[in-house]
């Protein structure tokens, strides 16, 4: 099973590399696998963020702030899904780089 954070980051990486295609429609089996790892609510929030912010729809948390709009996050931001957060100010989906690194090295 693919962890939600890995699925979100990979899905965004694929969408960002093919800008002419809408994030609404999966284009390959690989994308379908990543979409299945996300809840329907998380997918909807990703599409909304992508529609609003394009390639900057997903950002890392940097020094306790949103990597997109740079607004300070609460001391303990509300977790939407496993290690995925949302910026209350701009609506971007956020992730912790340390957690993403943990998943990448296993």
N, C-alpha and C. Protein backbone atom coordinates (compact mmCIF):
# COMPACT_ATOMS: atom_id res chain seq x y z
N UNK A 1 0.84 -1.19 0.00
CA UNK A 1 0.00 0.00 0.00
C UNK A 1 0.89 1.25 0.00
N UNK A 2 0.51 2.21 -0.79
CA UNK A 2 1.27 3.45 -0.91
C UNK A 2 0.81 4.42 0.17
N UNK A 3 1.74 4.94 0.98
CA UNK A 3 1.35 5.94 1.99
C UNK A 3 0.80 7.20 1.31
N UNK A 4 -0.19 7.85 1.93
CA UNK A 4 -0.80 9.04 1.32
C UNK A 4 0.20 10.15 0.96
N UNK A 5 1.19 10.38 1.81
CA UNK A 5 2.17 11.44 1.52
C UNK A 5 2.94 11.12 0.24
N UNK A 6 3.38 9.89 0.10
CA UNK A 6 4.12 9.48 -1.10
C UNK A 6 3.23 9.62 -2.33
N UNK A 7 1.98 9.18 -2.21
CA UNK A 7 1.05 9.28 -3.33
C UNK A 7 0.82 10.73 -3.74
N UNK A 8 0.62 11.61 -2.77
CA UNK A 8 0.38 13.02 -3.07
C UNK A 8 1.59 13.64 -3.76
N UNK A 9 2.77 13.41 -3.24
CA UNK A 9 3.97 14.01 -3.82
C UNK A 9 4.23 13.48 -5.23
N UNK A 10 4.04 12.19 -5.43
CA UNK A 10 4.27 11.62 -6.76
C UNK A 10 3.20 12.11 -7.75
N UNK A 11 1.95 12.15 -7.31
CA UNK A 11 0.87 12.65 -8.15
C UNK A 11 1.16 14.09 -8.58
N UNK A 12 1.59 14.91 -7.63
CA UNK A 12 1.90 16.30 -7.95
C UNK A 12 3.10 16.41 -8.89
N UNK A 13 4.09 15.58 -8.67
CA UNK A 13 5.27 15.58 -9.54
C UNK A 13 4.87 15.26 -10.98
N UNK A 14 4.01 14.28 -11.15
CA UNK A 14 3.56 13.91 -12.50
C UNK A 14 2.74 15.03 -13.11
N UNK A 15 1.80 15.59 -12.36
CA UNK A 15 0.98 16.69 -12.89
C UNK A 15 1.82 17.91 -13.23
N UNK A 16 2.81 18.21 -12.42
CA UNK A 16 3.65 19.38 -12.67
C UNK A 16 4.53 19.19 -13.90
N UNK A 17 4.85 17.95 -14.23
CA UNK A 17 5.71 17.70 -15.39
C UNK A 17 4.92 17.68 -16.71
N UNK A 18 3.58 17.64 -16.62
CA UNK A 18 2.74 17.66 -17.82
C UNK A 18 1.69 18.75 -17.65
N UNK A 19 2.07 20.01 -17.79
CA UNK A 19 1.19 21.13 -17.46
C UNK A 19 -0.05 21.27 -18.32
N UNK A 20 -0.08 20.69 -19.50
CA UNK A 20 -1.22 20.90 -20.38
C UNK A 20 -2.43 20.04 -19.99
N UNK A 21 -2.24 19.10 -19.08
CA UNK A 21 -3.31 18.18 -18.73
C UNK A 21 -3.89 18.55 -17.37
N UNK A 22 -5.20 18.47 -17.26
CA UNK A 22 -5.91 18.78 -16.02
C UNK A 22 -5.61 17.74 -14.95
N UNK A 23 -5.51 18.15 -13.68
CA UNK A 23 -5.28 17.17 -12.61
C UNK A 23 -6.52 16.34 -12.30
N UNK A 24 -7.65 16.67 -12.95
CA UNK A 24 -8.89 15.94 -12.69
C UNK A 24 -8.85 14.52 -13.24
N UNK A 25 -8.29 14.33 -14.40
CA UNK A 25 -8.38 13.05 -15.09
C UNK A 25 -7.08 12.27 -15.02
N UNK A 26 -7.12 11.06 -14.46
CA UNK A 26 -5.92 10.24 -14.45
C UNK A 26 -5.57 9.81 -15.87
N UNK A 27 -4.28 9.79 -16.18
CA UNK A 27 -3.85 9.49 -17.54
C UNK A 27 -3.13 8.15 -17.65
N UNK A 28 -2.86 7.50 -16.57
CA UNK A 28 -2.12 6.25 -16.64
C UNK A 28 -2.46 5.37 -15.44
N UNK A 29 -2.04 4.12 -15.54
CA UNK A 29 -2.24 3.22 -14.42
C UNK A 29 -1.49 3.70 -13.18
N UNK A 30 -0.32 4.28 -13.41
CA UNK A 30 0.47 4.80 -12.29
C UNK A 30 -0.31 5.87 -11.53
N UNK A 31 -0.94 6.78 -12.25
CA UNK A 31 -1.73 7.83 -11.59
C UNK A 31 -2.92 7.24 -10.86
N UNK A 32 -3.55 6.25 -11.45
CA UNK A 32 -4.69 5.61 -10.79
C UNK A 32 -4.25 5.01 -9.46
N UNK A 33 -3.09 4.38 -9.43
CA UNK A 33 -2.55 3.82 -8.17
C UNK A 33 -2.37 4.90 -7.12
N UNK A 34 -1.84 6.03 -7.51
CA UNK A 34 -1.61 7.12 -6.55
C UNK A 34 -2.93 7.72 -6.09
N UNK A 35 -3.87 7.86 -7.00
CA UNK A 35 -5.18 8.40 -6.62
C UNK A 35 -5.91 7.47 -5.65
N UNK A 36 -5.75 6.17 -5.82
CA UNK A 36 -6.39 5.21 -4.92
C UNK A 36 -5.80 5.27 -3.52
N UNK A 37 -4.58 5.74 -3.39
CA UNK A 37 -3.95 5.85 -2.07
C UNK A 37 -4.44 7.08 -1.31
N UNK A 38 -5.11 8.00 -2.01
CA UNK A 38 -5.65 9.20 -1.36
C UNK A 38 -7.14 9.02 -1.12
N UNK A 39 -7.63 9.63 -0.07
CA UNK A 39 -9.07 9.63 0.15
C UNK A 39 -9.71 10.55 -0.89
N UNK A 40 -10.99 10.37 -1.18
CA UNK A 40 -11.65 11.28 -2.12
C UNK A 40 -11.57 12.74 -1.67
N UNK A 41 -11.65 12.98 -0.38
CA UNK A 41 -11.55 14.35 0.15
C UNK A 41 -10.16 14.94 -0.13
N UNK A 42 -9.11 14.13 0.08
CA UNK A 42 -7.75 14.62 -0.17
C UNK A 42 -7.55 14.90 -1.66
N UNK A 43 -8.07 14.03 -2.52
CA UNK A 43 -7.95 14.26 -3.96
C UNK A 43 -8.66 15.56 -4.35
N UNK A 44 -9.85 15.78 -3.80
CA UNK A 44 -10.60 17.00 -4.08
C UNK A 44 -9.81 18.23 -3.63
N UNK A 45 -9.20 18.17 -2.45
CA UNK A 45 -8.41 19.31 -1.96
C UNK A 45 -7.19 19.54 -2.83
N UNK A 46 -6.59 18.45 -3.32
CA UNK A 46 -5.43 18.60 -4.21
C UNK A 46 -5.87 19.28 -5.51
N UNK A 47 -6.97 18.84 -6.10
CA UNK A 47 -7.45 19.44 -7.35
C UNK A 47 -7.75 20.92 -7.14
N UNK A 48 -8.39 21.26 -6.02
CA UNK A 48 -8.68 22.67 -5.73
C UNK A 48 -7.39 23.48 -5.59
N UNK A 49 -6.42 22.93 -4.88
CA UNK A 49 -5.15 23.63 -4.70
C UNK A 49 -4.42 23.76 -6.03
N UNK A 50 -4.44 22.71 -6.84
CA UNK A 50 -3.77 22.74 -8.15
C UNK A 50 -4.44 23.77 -9.06
N UNK A 51 -5.75 23.83 -9.01
CA UNK A 51 -6.48 24.78 -9.84
C UNK A 51 -6.11 26.22 -9.44
N UNK A 52 -5.96 26.44 -8.16
CA UNK A 52 -5.66 27.78 -7.64
C UNK A 52 -4.18 28.17 -7.76
N UNK A 53 -3.29 27.19 -7.48
CA UNK A 53 -1.86 27.52 -7.40
C UNK A 53 -0.99 26.85 -8.45
N UNK A 54 -1.58 26.02 -9.32
CA UNK A 54 -0.81 25.37 -10.37
C UNK A 54 0.30 24.51 -9.81
N UNK A 55 1.50 24.69 -10.35
CA UNK A 55 2.64 23.87 -9.95
C UNK A 55 3.08 24.10 -8.51
N UNK A 56 2.52 25.10 -7.86
CA UNK A 56 2.85 25.38 -6.47
C UNK A 56 1.75 24.91 -5.52
N UNK A 57 0.96 23.94 -5.95
CA UNK A 57 -0.18 23.46 -5.16
C UNK A 57 0.25 22.72 -3.91
N UNK A 58 1.43 22.13 -3.94
CA UNK A 58 1.95 21.38 -2.80
C UNK A 58 3.27 22.03 -2.41
N UNK A 59 3.44 22.30 -1.13
CA UNK A 59 4.66 22.97 -0.66
C UNK A 59 5.15 22.31 0.62
N UNK A 60 6.42 22.44 0.85
CA UNK A 60 7.02 21.93 2.09
C UNK A 60 6.83 22.95 3.21
N UNK A 61 6.80 22.45 4.41
CA UNK A 61 6.79 23.32 5.58
C UNK A 61 8.23 23.76 5.80
N UNK A 62 8.46 25.06 5.84
CA UNK A 62 9.81 25.61 5.99
C UNK A 62 9.88 26.51 7.21
N UNK A 63 10.64 26.10 8.19
CA UNK A 63 10.84 26.88 9.41
C UNK A 63 9.51 27.25 10.07
N UNK A 64 8.58 26.29 10.09
CA UNK A 64 7.29 26.51 10.73
C UNK A 64 6.33 27.36 9.94
N UNK A 65 6.62 27.55 8.64
CA UNK A 65 5.74 28.38 7.80
C UNK A 65 5.42 27.64 6.50
N UNK A 66 4.38 28.07 5.84
CA UNK A 66 3.99 27.52 4.55
C UNK A 66 5.09 27.86 3.54
N UNK A 67 5.54 26.87 2.79
CA UNK A 67 6.56 27.09 1.78
C UNK A 67 6.05 27.86 0.57
N UNK A 68 4.74 28.06 0.49
CA UNK A 68 4.15 28.80 -0.63
C UNK A 68 3.92 30.26 -0.32
N UNK A 69 3.13 30.52 0.73
CA UNK A 69 2.79 31.91 1.05
C UNK A 69 3.63 32.46 2.21
N UNK A 70 4.39 31.61 2.86
CA UNK A 70 5.31 31.98 3.95
C UNK A 70 4.63 32.47 5.22
N UNK A 71 3.33 32.18 5.34
CA UNK A 71 2.64 32.53 6.58
C UNK A 71 2.97 31.50 7.64
N UNK A 72 3.16 31.96 8.85
CA UNK A 72 3.49 31.09 9.98
C UNK A 72 2.33 30.14 10.25
N UNK A 73 2.66 28.86 10.50
CA UNK A 73 1.65 27.85 10.82
C UNK A 73 1.46 27.79 12.33
N UNK A 74 0.33 27.27 12.79
CA UNK A 74 0.15 27.08 14.23
C UNK A 74 1.24 26.15 14.77
N UNK A 75 1.47 26.19 16.07
CA UNK A 75 2.51 25.35 16.68
C UNK A 75 2.34 23.88 16.32
N UNK A 76 1.12 23.42 16.27
CA UNK A 76 0.86 22.05 15.83
C UNK A 76 -0.28 22.10 14.80
N UNK A 77 0.07 22.21 13.51
CA UNK A 77 -0.96 22.31 12.48
C UNK A 77 -1.82 21.05 12.44
N UNK A 78 -3.08 21.21 12.06
CA UNK A 78 -3.99 20.06 11.98
C UNK A 78 -3.59 19.16 10.82
N UNK A 79 -3.43 17.90 11.12
CA UNK A 79 -3.05 16.92 10.11
C UNK A 79 -4.30 16.45 9.38
N UNK A 80 -4.30 16.57 8.06
CA UNK A 80 -5.46 16.16 7.27
C UNK A 80 -5.42 14.66 7.02
N UNK A 81 -4.29 14.17 6.63
CA UNK A 81 -4.03 12.76 6.42
C UNK A 81 -2.63 12.53 6.91
N UNK A 82 -2.19 11.33 6.85
CA UNK A 82 -0.89 10.95 7.36
C UNK A 82 0.23 11.87 6.84
N UNK A 83 0.66 12.79 7.70
CA UNK A 83 1.75 13.74 7.42
C UNK A 83 1.43 14.74 6.31
N UNK A 84 0.16 14.97 6.03
CA UNK A 84 -0.25 15.97 5.04
C UNK A 84 -1.06 17.03 5.79
N UNK A 85 -0.71 18.29 5.57
CA UNK A 85 -1.34 19.40 6.27
C UNK A 85 -1.91 20.37 5.24
N UNK A 86 -2.61 21.38 5.71
CA UNK A 86 -3.16 22.40 4.83
C UNK A 86 -2.84 23.77 5.42
N UNK A 87 -2.47 24.70 4.56
CA UNK A 87 -2.22 26.06 5.00
C UNK A 87 -3.56 26.77 5.18
N UNK A 88 -3.81 27.30 6.36
CA UNK A 88 -5.06 28.00 6.63
C UNK A 88 -5.17 29.31 5.84
N UNK A 89 -4.04 29.85 5.42
CA UNK A 89 -4.04 31.13 4.73
C UNK A 89 -4.26 30.98 3.22
N UNK A 90 -3.47 30.13 2.56
CA UNK A 90 -3.55 30.04 1.10
C UNK A 90 -4.20 28.76 0.58
N UNK A 91 -4.36 27.75 1.44
CA UNK A 91 -5.01 26.51 1.04
C UNK A 91 -4.11 25.47 0.40
N UNK A 92 -2.80 25.76 0.29
CA UNK A 92 -1.90 24.77 -0.28
C UNK A 92 -1.84 23.53 0.62
N UNK A 93 -1.55 22.40 0.01
CA UNK A 93 -1.29 21.20 0.77
C UNK A 93 0.18 21.23 1.17
N UNK A 94 0.44 20.91 2.42
CA UNK A 94 1.79 21.02 2.96
C UNK A 94 2.27 19.66 3.45
N UNK A 95 3.59 19.50 3.42
CA UNK A 95 4.19 18.28 3.94
C UNK A 95 5.48 18.63 4.68
N UNK A 96 5.87 17.73 5.54
CA UNK A 96 7.10 17.88 6.31
C UNK A 96 8.21 17.18 5.53
N UNK A 97 9.26 17.91 5.20
CA UNK A 97 10.37 17.34 4.40
C UNK A 97 11.01 16.14 5.09
N UNK A 98 11.10 16.19 6.42
CA UNK A 98 11.71 15.07 7.14
C UNK A 98 10.90 13.79 6.94
N UNK A 99 9.59 13.91 7.00
CA UNK A 99 8.72 12.74 6.79
C UNK A 99 8.84 12.25 5.35
N UNK A 100 8.87 13.14 4.39
CA UNK A 100 9.02 12.75 3.00
C UNK A 100 10.35 12.04 2.78
N UNK A 101 11.40 12.52 3.43
CA UNK A 101 12.71 11.89 3.32
C UNK A 101 12.68 10.49 3.91
N UNK A 102 12.02 10.32 5.05
CA UNK A 102 11.90 9.00 5.68
C UNK A 102 11.27 8.01 4.72
N UNK A 103 10.21 8.43 4.03
CA UNK A 103 9.55 7.53 3.09
C UNK A 103 10.45 7.23 1.89
N UNK A 104 11.24 8.21 1.47
CA UNK A 104 12.06 8.02 0.27
C UNK A 104 13.22 7.05 0.50
N UNK A 105 13.74 7.01 1.73
CA UNK A 105 14.86 6.11 2.01
C UNK A 105 14.41 4.82 2.66
N UNK A 106 13.15 4.76 3.03
CA UNK A 106 12.59 3.53 3.58
C UNK A 106 12.82 3.44 5.00
